[in-house]
PDB file of N, CA and C in Angstrom:
ATOM      1  N   MET A   1     -10.051  19.788 -24.107  1.00  0.00           N
ATOM      2  CA  MET A   1      -9.848  18.361 -24.079  1.00  0.00           C
ATOM      3  C   MET A   1     -10.215  17.828 -22.697  1.00  0.00           C
ATOM      4  N   ASN A   2     -10.974  16.776 -22.655  1.00  0.00           N
ATOM      5  CA  ASN A   2     -11.406  16.156 -21.404  1.00  0.00           C
ATOM      6  C   ASN A   2     -10.308  15.279 -20.843  1.00  0.00           C
ATOM      7  N   LYS A   3     -10.017  15.468 -19.570  1.00  0.00           N
ATOM      8  CA  LYS A   3      -9.028  14.628 -18.918  1.00  0.00           C
ATOM      9  C   LYS A   3      -9.776  13.496 -18.221  1.00  0.00           C
ATOM     10  N   ARG A   4      -9.443  12.270 -18.575  1.00  0.00           N
ATOM     11  CA  ARG A   4     -10.119  11.113 -18.017  1.00  0.00           C
ATOM     12  C   ARG A   4      -9.277  10.535 -16.891  1.00  0.00           C
ATOM     13  N   ASN A   5      -9.943  10.178 -15.810  1.00  0.00           N
ATOM     14  CA  ASN A   5      -9.268   9.521 -14.695  1.00  0.00           C
ATOM     15  C   ASN A   5      -9.452   8.019 -14.825  1.00  0.00           C
ATOM     16  N   PHE A   6      -8.359   7.301 -14.811  1.00  0.00           N
ATOM     17  CA  PHE A   6      -8.392   5.851 -14.935  1.00  0.00           C
ATOM     18  C   PHE A   6      -8.294   5.222 -13.552  1.00  0.00           C
ATOM     19  N   THR A   7      -9.012   4.148 -13.350  1.00  0.00           N
ATOM     20  CA  THR A   7      -8.918   3.417 -12.095  1.00  0.00           C
ATOM     21  C   THR A   7      -7.592   2.650 -12.088  1.00  0.00           C
ATOM     22  N   PRO A   8      -7.124   2.251 -10.919  1.00  0.00           N
ATOM     23  CA  PRO A   8      -5.902   1.453 -10.873  1.00  0.00           C
ATOM     24  C   PRO A   8      -6.022   0.171 -11.703  1.00  0.00           C
ATOM     25  N   LYS A   9      -7.188  -0.430 -11.710  1.00  0.00           N
ATOM     26  CA  LYS A   9      -7.384  -1.658 -12.484  1.00  0.00           C
ATOM     27  C   LYS A   9      -7.255  -1.382 -13.982  1.00  0.00           C
ATOM     28  N   GLU A  10      -7.823  -0.264 -14.432  1.00  0.00           N
ATOM     29  CA  GLU A  10      -7.711   0.099 -15.850  1.00  0.00           C
ATOM     30  C   GLU A  10      -6.250   0.356 -16.226  1.00  0.00           C
ATOM     31  N   LYS A  11      -5.537   1.047 -15.352  1.00  0.00           N
ATOM     32  CA  LYS A  11      -4.117   1.310 -15.604  1.00  0.00           C
ATOM     33  C   LYS A  11      -3.337  -0.003 -15.689  1.00  0.00           C
ATOM     34  N   ALA A  12      -3.664  -0.926 -14.793  1.00  0.00           N
ATOM     35  CA  ALA A  12      -2.985  -2.226 -14.787  1.00  0.00           C
ATOM     36  C   ALA A  12      -3.266  -2.979 -16.078  1.00  0.00           C
ATOM     37  N   ASN A  13      -4.497  -2.930 -16.545  1.00  0.00           N
ATOM     38  CA  ASN A  13      -4.846  -3.616 -17.795  1.00  0.00           C
ATOM     39  C   ASN A  13      -4.087  -3.033 -18.979  1.00  0.00           C
ATOM     40  N   VAL A  14      -3.983  -1.717 -19.021  1.00  0.00           N
ATOM     41  CA  VAL A  14      -3.252  -1.061 -20.106  1.00  0.00           C
ATOM     42  C   VAL A  14      -1.775  -1.439 -20.033  1.00  0.00           C
ATOM     43  N   ALA A  15      -1.206  -1.368 -18.829  1.00  0.00           N
ATOM     44  CA  ALA A  15       0.210  -1.707 -18.655  1.00  0.00           C
ATOM     45  C   ALA A  15       0.465  -3.165 -19.013  1.00  0.00           C
ATOM     46  N   LEU A  16      -0.441  -4.037 -18.619  1.00  0.00           N
ATOM     47  CA  LEU A  16      -0.289  -5.460 -18.929  1.00  0.00           C
ATOM     48  C   LEU A  16      -0.332  -5.710 -20.432  1.00  0.00           C
ATOM     49  N   ALA A  17      -1.235  -5.006 -21.108  1.00  0.00           N
ATOM     50  CA  ALA A  17      -1.304  -5.133 -22.566  1.00  0.00           C
ATOM     51  C   ALA A  17       0.017  -4.693 -23.201  1.00  0.00           C
ATOM     52  N   ALA A  18       0.603  -3.632 -22.669  1.00  0.00           N
ATOM     53  CA  ALA A  18       1.878  -3.147 -23.205  1.00  0.00           C
ATOM     54  C   ALA A  18       3.010  -4.128 -22.899  1.00  0.00           C
ATOM     55  N   ILE A  19       2.991  -4.717 -21.724  1.00  0.00           N
ATOM     56  CA  ILE A  19       4.033  -5.672 -21.344  1.00  0.00           C
ATOM     57  C   ILE A  19       3.956  -6.924 -22.211  1.00  0.00           C
ATOM     58  N   LYS A  20       2.740  -7.384 -22.467  1.00  0.00           N
ATOM     59  CA  LYS A  20       2.557  -8.587 -23.286  1.00  0.00           C
ATOM     60  C   LYS A  20       3.122  -8.386 -24.685  1.00  0.00           C
ATOM     61  N   GLY A  21       2.988  -7.177 -25.230  1.00  0.00           N
ATOM     62  CA  GLY A  21       3.544  -6.875 -26.541  1.00  0.00           C
ATOM     63  C   GLY A  21       2.804  -7.495 -27.708  1.00  0.00           C
ATOM     64  N   GLU A  22       1.585  -7.963 -27.461  1.00  0.00           N
ATOM     65  CA  GLU A  22       0.806  -8.576 -28.538  1.00  0.00           C
ATOM     66  C   GLU A  22       0.268  -7.535 -29.520  1.00  0.00           C
ATOM     67  N   LYS A  23       0.176  -6.296 -29.055  1.00  0.00           N
ATOM     68  CA  LYS A  23      -0.293  -5.193 -29.897  1.00  0.00           C
ATOM     69  C   LYS A  23       0.725  -4.070 -29.831  1.00  0.00           C
ATOM     70  N   THR A  24       0.706  -3.226 -30.841  1.00  0.00           N
ATOM     71  CA  THR A  24       1.603  -2.073 -30.850  1.00  0.00           C
ATOM     72  C   THR A  24       1.079  -1.030 -29.871  1.00  0.00           C
ATOM     73  N   LEU A  25       1.948  -0.096 -29.507  1.00  0.00           N
ATOM     74  CA  LEU A  25       1.520   0.993 -28.632  1.00  0.00           C
ATOM     75  C   LEU A  25       0.384   1.784 -29.258  1.00  0.00           C
ATOM     76  N   ALA A  26       0.445   1.961 -30.559  1.00  0.00           N
ATOM     77  CA  ALA A  26      -0.617   2.699 -31.258  1.00  0.00           C
ATOM     78  C   ALA A  26      -1.958   1.972 -31.136  1.00  0.00           C
ATOM     79  N   GLU A  27      -1.922   0.650 -31.249  1.00  0.00           N
ATOM     80  CA  GLU A  27      -3.153  -0.132 -31.124  1.00  0.00           C
ATOM     81  C   GLU A  27      -3.707  -0.074 -29.697  1.00  0.00           C
ATOM     82  N   ILE A  28      -2.819  -0.193 -28.732  1.00  0.00           N
ATOM     83  CA  ILE A  28      -3.237  -0.113 -27.328  1.00  0.00           C
ATOM     84  C   ILE A  28      -3.786   1.275 -27.026  1.00  0.00           C
ATOM     85  N   SER A  29      -3.095   2.283 -27.527  1.00  0.00           N
ATOM     86  CA  SER A  29      -3.523   3.664 -27.336  1.00  0.00           C
ATOM     87  C   SER A  29      -4.923   3.888 -27.890  1.00  0.00           C
ATOM     88  N   SER A  30      -5.161   3.383 -29.059  1.00  0.00           N
ATOM     89  CA  SER A  30      -6.472   3.523 -29.693  1.00  0.00           C
ATOM     90  C   SER A  30      -7.539   2.725 -28.947  1.00  0.00           C
ATOM     91  N   LEU A  31      -7.198   1.534 -28.541  1.00  0.00           N
ATOM     92  CA  LEU A  31      -8.137   0.651 -27.858  1.00  0.00           C
ATOM     93  C   LEU A  31      -8.589   1.223 -26.514  1.00  0.00           C
ATOM     94  N   TYR A  32      -7.647   1.715 -25.729  1.00  0.00           N
ATOM     95  CA  TYR A  32      -7.947   2.195 -24.372  1.00  0.00           C
ATOM     96  C   TYR A  32      -8.117   3.711 -24.281  1.00  0.00           C
ATOM     97  N   GLN A  33      -7.905   4.406 -25.396  1.00  0.00           N
ATOM     98  CA  GLN A  33      -8.001   5.868 -25.432  1.00  0.00           C
ATOM     99  C   GLN A  33      -7.018   6.516 -24.440  1.00  0.00           C
ATOM    100  N   VAL A  34      -5.774   6.048 -24.508  1.00  0.00           N
ATOM    101  CA  VAL A  34      -4.703   6.553 -23.646  1.00  0.00           C
ATOM    102  C   VAL A  34      -3.528   6.926 -24.541  1.00  0.00           C
ATOM    103  N   HIS A  35      -2.878   8.027 -24.244  1.00  0.00           N
ATOM    104  CA  HIS A  35      -1.722   8.455 -25.030  1.00  0.00           C
ATOM    105  C   HIS A  35      -0.583   7.458 -24.842  1.00  0.00           C
ATOM    106  N   SER A  36       0.165   7.226 -25.893  1.00  0.00           N
ATOM    107  CA  SER A  36       1.240   6.230 -25.862  1.00  0.00           C
ATOM    108  C   SER A  36       2.315   6.560 -24.832  1.00  0.00           C
ATOM    109  N   THR A  37       2.552   7.841 -24.577  1.00  0.00           N
ATOM    110  CA  THR A  37       3.517   8.231 -23.548  1.00  0.00           C
ATOM    111  C   THR A  37       3.048   7.761 -22.177  1.00  0.00           C
ATOM    112  N   GLN A  38       1.755   7.916 -21.923  1.00  0.00           N
ATOM    113  CA  GLN A  38       1.192   7.483 -20.644  1.00  0.00           C
ATOM    114  C   GLN A  38       1.271   5.966 -20.505  1.00  0.00           C
ATOM    115  N   ILE A  39       1.030   5.274 -21.596  1.00  0.00           N
ATOM    116  CA  ILE A  39       1.132   3.808 -21.585  1.00  0.00           C
ATOM    117  C   ILE A  39       2.546   3.391 -21.206  1.00  0.00           C
ATOM    118  N   GLY A  40       3.521   4.070 -21.771  1.00  0.00           N
ATOM    119  CA  GLY A  40       4.922   3.773 -21.454  1.00  0.00           C
ATOM    120  C   GLY A  40       5.231   3.987 -19.980  1.00  0.00           C
ATOM    121  N   LYS A  41       4.669   5.057 -19.398  1.00  0.00           N
ATOM    122  CA  LYS A  41       4.895   5.333 -17.978  1.00  0.00           C
ATOM    123  C   LYS A  41       4.273   4.235 -17.113  1.00  0.00           C
ATOM    124  N   TRP A  42       3.027   3.865 -17.420  1.00  0.00           N
ATOM    125  CA  TRP A  42       2.347   2.818 -16.647  1.00  0.00           C
ATOM    126  C   TRP A  42       3.066   1.480 -16.785  1.00  0.00           C
ATOM    127  N   LYS A  43       3.596   1.225 -17.977  1.00  0.00           N
ATOM    128  CA  LYS A  43       4.333  -0.022 -18.211  1.00  0.00           C
ATOM    129  C   LYS A  43       5.583  -0.062 -17.335  1.00  0.00           C
ATOM    130  N   LYS A  44       6.329   1.052 -17.274  1.00  0.00           N
ATOM    131  CA  LYS A  44       7.539   1.119 -16.457  1.00  0.00           C
ATOM    132  C   LYS A  44       7.213   0.912 -14.983  1.00  0.00           C
ATOM    133  N   ILE A  45       6.132   1.538 -14.518  1.00  0.00           N
ATOM    134  CA  ILE A  45       5.719   1.389 -13.117  1.00  0.00           C
ATOM    135  C   ILE A  45       5.380  -0.066 -12.825  1.00  0.00           C
ATOM    136  N   ALA A  46       4.617  -0.679 -13.718  1.00  0.00           N
ATOM    137  CA  ALA A  46       4.212  -2.077 -13.527  1.00  0.00           C
ATOM    138  C   ALA A  46       5.429  -2.990 -13.491  1.00  0.00           C
ATOM    139  N   GLU A  47       6.348  -2.801 -14.419  1.00  0.00           N
ATOM    140  CA  GLU A  47       7.542  -3.645 -14.468  1.00  0.00           C
ATOM    141  C   GLU A  47       8.408  -3.459 -13.222  1.00  0.00           C
ATOM    142  N   ALA A  48       8.448  -2.242 -12.704  1.00  0.00           N
ATOM    143  CA  ALA A  48       9.254  -1.977 -11.514  1.00  0.00           C
ATOM    144  C   ALA A  48       8.617  -2.577 -10.258  1.00  0.00           C
ATOM    145  N   GLU A  49       7.300  -2.596 -10.201  1.00  0.00           N
ATOM    146  CA  GLU A  49       6.603  -3.053  -8.995  1.00  0.00           C
ATOM    147  C   GLU A  49       6.287  -4.545  -8.982  1.00  0.00           C
ATOM    148  N   LEU A  50       6.311  -5.201 -10.129  1.00  0.00           N
ATOM    149  CA  LEU A  50       5.974  -6.621 -10.187  1.00  0.00           C
ATOM    150  C   LEU A  50       6.815  -7.491  -9.240  1.00  0.00           C
ATOM    151  N   PRO A  51       8.120  -7.315  -9.163  1.00  0.00           N
ATOM    152  CA  PRO A  51       8.904  -8.158  -8.244  1.00  0.00           C
ATOM    153  C   PRO A  51       8.454  -8.024  -6.785  1.00  0.00           C
ATOM    154  N   ASN A  52       7.969  -6.848  -6.408  1.00  0.00           N
ATOM    155  CA  ASN A  52       7.518  -6.643  -5.028  1.00  0.00           C
ATOM    156  C   ASN A  52       6.308  -7.501  -4.695  1.00  0.00           C
ATOM    157  N   LEU A  53       5.519  -7.835  -5.685  1.00  0.00           N
ATOM    158  CA  LEU A  53       4.346  -8.659  -5.439  1.00  0.00           C
ATOM    159  C   LEU A  53       4.726 -10.057  -4.971  1.00  0.00           C
ATOM    160  N   PHE A  54       5.907 -10.499  -5.349  1.00  0.00           N
ATOM    161  CA  PHE A  54       6.332 -11.847  -5.037  1.00  0.00           C
ATOM    162  C   PHE A  54       7.379 -11.908  -3.920  1.00  0.00           C
ATOM    163  N   SER A  55       7.660 -10.784  -3.299  1.00  0.00           N
ATOM    164  CA  SER A  55       8.625 -10.782  -2.200  1.00  0.00           C
ATOM    165  C   SER A  55       7.886 -10.961  -0.888  1.00  0.00           C
ATOM    166  N   ASP A  56       8.611 -11.339   0.129  1.00  0.00           N
ATOM    167  CA  ASP A  56       7.990 -11.500   1.435  1.00  0.00           C
ATOM    168  C   ASP A  56       8.083 -10.223   2.255  1.00  0.00           C
ATOM    169  N   LYS A  57       8.371  -9.128   1.580  1.00  0.00           N
ATOM    170  CA  LYS A  57       8.490  -7.833   2.237  1.00  0.00           C
ATOM    171  C   LYS A  57       7.175  -7.462   2.933  1.00  0.00           C
ATOM    172  N   ARG A  58       6.057  -7.752   2.275  1.00  0.00           N
ATOM    173  CA  ARG A  58       4.763  -7.405   2.853  1.00  0.00           C
ATOM    174  C   ARG A  58       4.514  -8.213   4.126  1.00  0.00           C
ATOM    175  N   LYS A  59       4.926  -9.481   4.152  1.00  0.00           N
ATOM    176  CA  LYS A  59       4.761 -10.290   5.358  1.00  0.00           C
ATOM    177  C   LYS A  59       5.577  -9.692   6.498  1.00  0.00           C
ATOM    178  N   LYS A  60       6.810  -9.303   6.191  1.00  0.00           N
ATOM    179  CA  LYS A  60       7.663  -8.701   7.214  1.00  0.00           C
ATOM    180  C   LYS A  60       7.032  -7.422   7.737  1.00  0.00           C
ATOM    181  N   GLN A  61       6.458  -6.630   6.836  1.00  0.00           N
ATOM    182  CA  GLN A  61       5.821  -5.385   7.239  1.00  0.00           C
ATOM    183  C   GLN A  61       4.617  -5.684   8.138  1.00  0.00           C
ATOM    184  N   ASP A  62       3.819  -6.696   7.774  1.00  0.00           N
ATOM    185  CA  ASP A  62       2.667  -7.077   8.580  1.00  0.00           C
ATOM    186  C   ASP A  62       3.107  -7.549   9.952  1.00  0.00           C
ATOM    187  N   ASN A  63       4.171  -8.367   9.990  1.00  0.00           N
ATOM    188  CA  ASN A  63       4.678  -8.866  11.271  1.00  0.00           C
ATOM    189  C   ASN A  63       5.178  -7.738  12.147  1.00  0.00           C
ATOM    190  N   SER A  64       5.910  -6.799  11.566  1.00  0.00           N
ATOM    191  CA  SER A  64       6.435  -5.695  12.361  1.00  0.00           C
ATOM    192  C   SER A  64       5.295  -4.823  12.868  1.00  0.00           C
ATOM    193  N   GLN A  65       4.233  -4.698  12.100  1.00  0.00           N
ATOM    194  CA  GLN A  65       3.082  -3.913  12.540  1.00  0.00           C
ATOM    195  C   GLN A  65       2.379  -4.629  13.700  1.00  0.00           C
ATOM    196  N   GLU A  66       2.260  -5.946  13.623  1.00  0.00           N
ATOM    197  CA  GLU A  66       1.668  -6.712  14.717  1.00  0.00           C
ATOM    198  C   GLU A  66       2.514  -6.599  15.982  1.00  0.00           C
ATOM    199  N   GLU A  67       3.831  -6.658  15.813  1.00  0.00           N
ATOM    200  CA  GLU A  67       4.719  -6.516  16.955  1.00  0.00           C
ATOM    201  C   GLU A  67       4.565  -5.146  17.596  1.00  0.00           C
ATOM    202  N   LEU A  68       4.434  -4.110  16.783  1.00  0.00           N
ATOM    203  CA  LEU A  68       4.248  -2.760  17.290  1.00  0.00           C
ATOM    204  C   LEU A  68       2.936  -2.655  18.061  1.00  0.00           C
ATOM    205  N   ILE A  69       1.880  -3.227  17.519  1.00  0.00           N
ATOM    206  CA  ILE A  69       0.580  -3.199  18.194  1.00  0.00           C
ATOM    207  C   ILE A  69       0.666  -3.924  19.536  1.00  0.00           C
ATOM    208  N   ASP A  70       1.302  -5.092  19.549  1.00  0.00           N
ATOM    209  CA  ASP A  70       1.472  -5.834  20.792  1.00  0.00           C
ATOM    210  C   ASP A  70       2.242  -5.016  21.823  1.00  0.00           C
ATOM    211  N   GLU A  71       3.312  -4.372  21.375  1.00  0.00           N
ATOM    212  CA  GLU A  71       4.116  -3.544  22.274  1.00  0.00           C
ATOM    213  C   GLU A  71       3.298  -2.380  22.825  1.00  0.00           C
ATOM    214  N   LEU A  72       2.488  -1.760  21.979  1.00  0.00           N
ATOM    215  CA  LEU A  72       1.662  -0.640  22.430  1.00  0.00           C
ATOM    216  C   LEU A  72       0.621  -1.092  23.452  1.00  0.00           C
ATOM    217  N   TYR A  73       0.013  -2.259  23.229  1.00  0.00           N
ATOM    218  CA  TYR A  73      -0.938  -2.791  24.209  1.00  0.00           C
ATOM    219  C   TYR A  73      -0.244  -3.080  25.537  1.00  0.00           C
ATOM    220  N   LYS A  74       0.966  -3.568  25.476  1.00  0.00           N
ATOM    221  CA  LYS A  74       1.743  -3.844  26.684  1.00  0.00           C
ATOM    222  C   LYS A  74       1.994  -2.549  27.451  1.00  0.00           C
ATOM    223  N   ILE A  75       2.376  -1.499  26.737  1.00  0.00           N
ATOM    224  CA  ILE A  75       2.631  -0.200  27.368  1.00  0.00           C
ATOM    225  C   ILE A  75       1.343   0.353  27.979  1.00  0.00           C
ATOM    226  N   ILE A  76       0.233   0.232  27.261  1.00  0.00           N
ATOM    227  CA  ILE A  76      -1.051   0.714  27.780  1.00  0.00           C
ATOM    228  C   ILE A  76      -1.413  -0.029  29.061  1.00  0.00           C
ATOM    229  N   GLY A  77      -1.235  -1.349  29.059  1.00  0.00           N
ATOM    230  CA  GLY A  77      -1.516  -2.136  30.256  1.00  0.00           C
ATOM    231  C   GLY A  77      -0.654  -1.712  31.431  1.00  0.00           C
ATOM    232  N   GLN A  78       0.612  -1.476  31.164  1.00  0.00           N
ATOM    233  CA  GLN A  78       1.540  -1.048  32.214  1.00  0.00           C
ATOM    234  C   GLN A  78       1.121   0.312  32.752  1.00  0.00           C
ATOM    235  N   ARG A  79       0.735   1.226  31.882  1.00  0.00           N
ATOM    236  CA  ARG A  79       0.302   2.561  32.309  1.00  0.00           C
ATOM    237  C   ARG A  79      -0.977   2.484  33.140  1.00  0.00           C
ATOM    238  N   ASP A  80      -1.882   1.588  32.753  1.00  0.00           N
ATOM    239  CA  ASP A  80      -3.113   1.407  33.531  1.00  0.00           C
ATOM    240  C   ASP A  80      -2.790   0.931  34.941  1.00  0.00           C
ATOM    241  N   MET A  81      -1.860  -0.019  35.059  1.00  0.00           N
ATOM    242  CA  MET A  81      -1.473  -0.523  36.384  1.00  0.00           C
ATOM    243  C   MET A  81      -0.825   0.586  37.205  1.00  0.00           C
ATOM    244  N   GLU A  82       0.040   1.389  36.592  1.00  0.00           N
ATOM    245  CA  GLU A  82       0.692   2.491  37.304  1.00  0.00           C
ATOM    246  C   GLU A  82      -0.326   3.528  37.757  1.00  0.00           C
ATOM    247  N   LEU A  83      -1.293   3.813  36.901  1.00  0.00           N
ATOM    248  CA  LEU A  83      -2.330   4.781  37.236  1.00  0.00           C
ATOM    249  C   LEU A  83      -3.180   4.281  38.400  1.00  0.00           C
ATOM    250  N   ASP A  84      -3.554   3.012  38.361  1.00  0.00           N
ATOM    251  CA  ASP A  84      -4.315   2.438  39.472  1.00  0.00           C
ATOM    252  C   ASP A  84      -3.525   2.508  40.772  1.00  0.00           C
ATOM    253  N   TRP A  85      -2.226   2.215  40.719  1.00  0.00           N
ATOM    254  CA  TRP A  85      -1.380   2.275  41.906  1.00  0.00           C
ATOM    255  C   TRP A  85      -1.335   3.703  42.459  1.00  0.00           C
ATOM    256  N   LEU A  86      -1.176   4.693  41.545  1.00  0.00           N
ATOM    257  CA  LEU A  86      -1.124   6.089  41.981  1.00  0.00           C
ATOM    258  C   LEU A  86      -2.455   6.527  42.599  1.00  0.00           C
ATOM    259  N   LYS A  87      -3.561   6.103  42.005  1.00  0.00           N
ATOM    260  CA  LYS A  87      -4.884   6.440  42.563  1.00  0.00           C
ATOM    261  C   LYS A  87      -5.028   5.864  43.975  1.00  0.00           C
ATOM    262  N   LYS A  88      -4.559   4.626  44.162  1.00  0.00           N
ATOM    263  CA  LYS A  88      -4.627   3.972  45.466  1.00  0.00           C
ATOM    264  C   LYS A  88      -3.780   4.736  46.487  1.00  0.00           C
ATOM    265  N   LYS A  89      -2.581   5.124  46.111  1.00  0.00           N
ATOM    266  CA  LYS A  89      -1.684   5.873  46.995  1.00  0.00           C
ATOM    267  C   LYS A  89      -2.275   7.242  47.345  1.00  0.00           C
ATOM    268  N   LEU A  90      -2.931   7.861  46.348  1.00  0.00           N
ATOM    269  CA  LEU A  90      -3.538   9.162  46.566  1.00  0.00           C
ATOM    270  C   LEU A  90      -4.669   9.064  47.575  1.00  0.00           C
ATOM    271  N   ARG A  91      -5.474   7.997  47.501  1.00  0.00           N
ATOM    272  CA  ARG A  91      -6.566   7.794  48.460  1.00  0.00           C
ATOM    273  C   ARG A  91      -6.015   7.564  49.875  1.00  0.00           C
ATOM    274  N   LEU A  92      -4.901   6.854  49.978  1.00  0.00           N
ATOM    275  CA  LEU A  92      -4.304   6.606  51.299  1.00  0.00           C
ATOM    276  C   LEU A  92      -3.722   7.869  51.909  1.00  0.00           C
ATOM    277  N   ALA A  93      -3.239   8.778  51.070  1.00  0.00           N
ATOM    278  CA  ALA A  93      -2.627  10.018  51.548  1.00  0.00           C
ATOM    279  C   ALA A  93      -3.685  10.986  52.062  1.00  0.00           C
ATOM    280  N   ASN A  94      -4.921  10.874  51.608  1.00  0.00           N
ATOM    281  CA  ASN A  94      -5.972  11.813  52.032  1.00  0.00           C
ATOM    282  C   ASN A  94      -6.573  11.411  53.310  1.00  0.00           C
TER     283      ASN A  94
END
């Protein structure tokens, strides 16, 4: 039996068809050539993840990542200044 790999978009379409409920699982299974058990799994995943699409969690994550990047640039700048100071002191000591 050939195992077919579905793209995320194909999985989403199958899950959406199952969520809509306009067709039976058997009809969806036949239409997309996916086992009904797999359709049920994709449907559960889609239903669980849908609320996350509408939360501002991703914005918070983006903001925290920007803050981290800013902090890292600040540290790099500080280290560059310290290194330059040490190089200057080393030249004076020689």
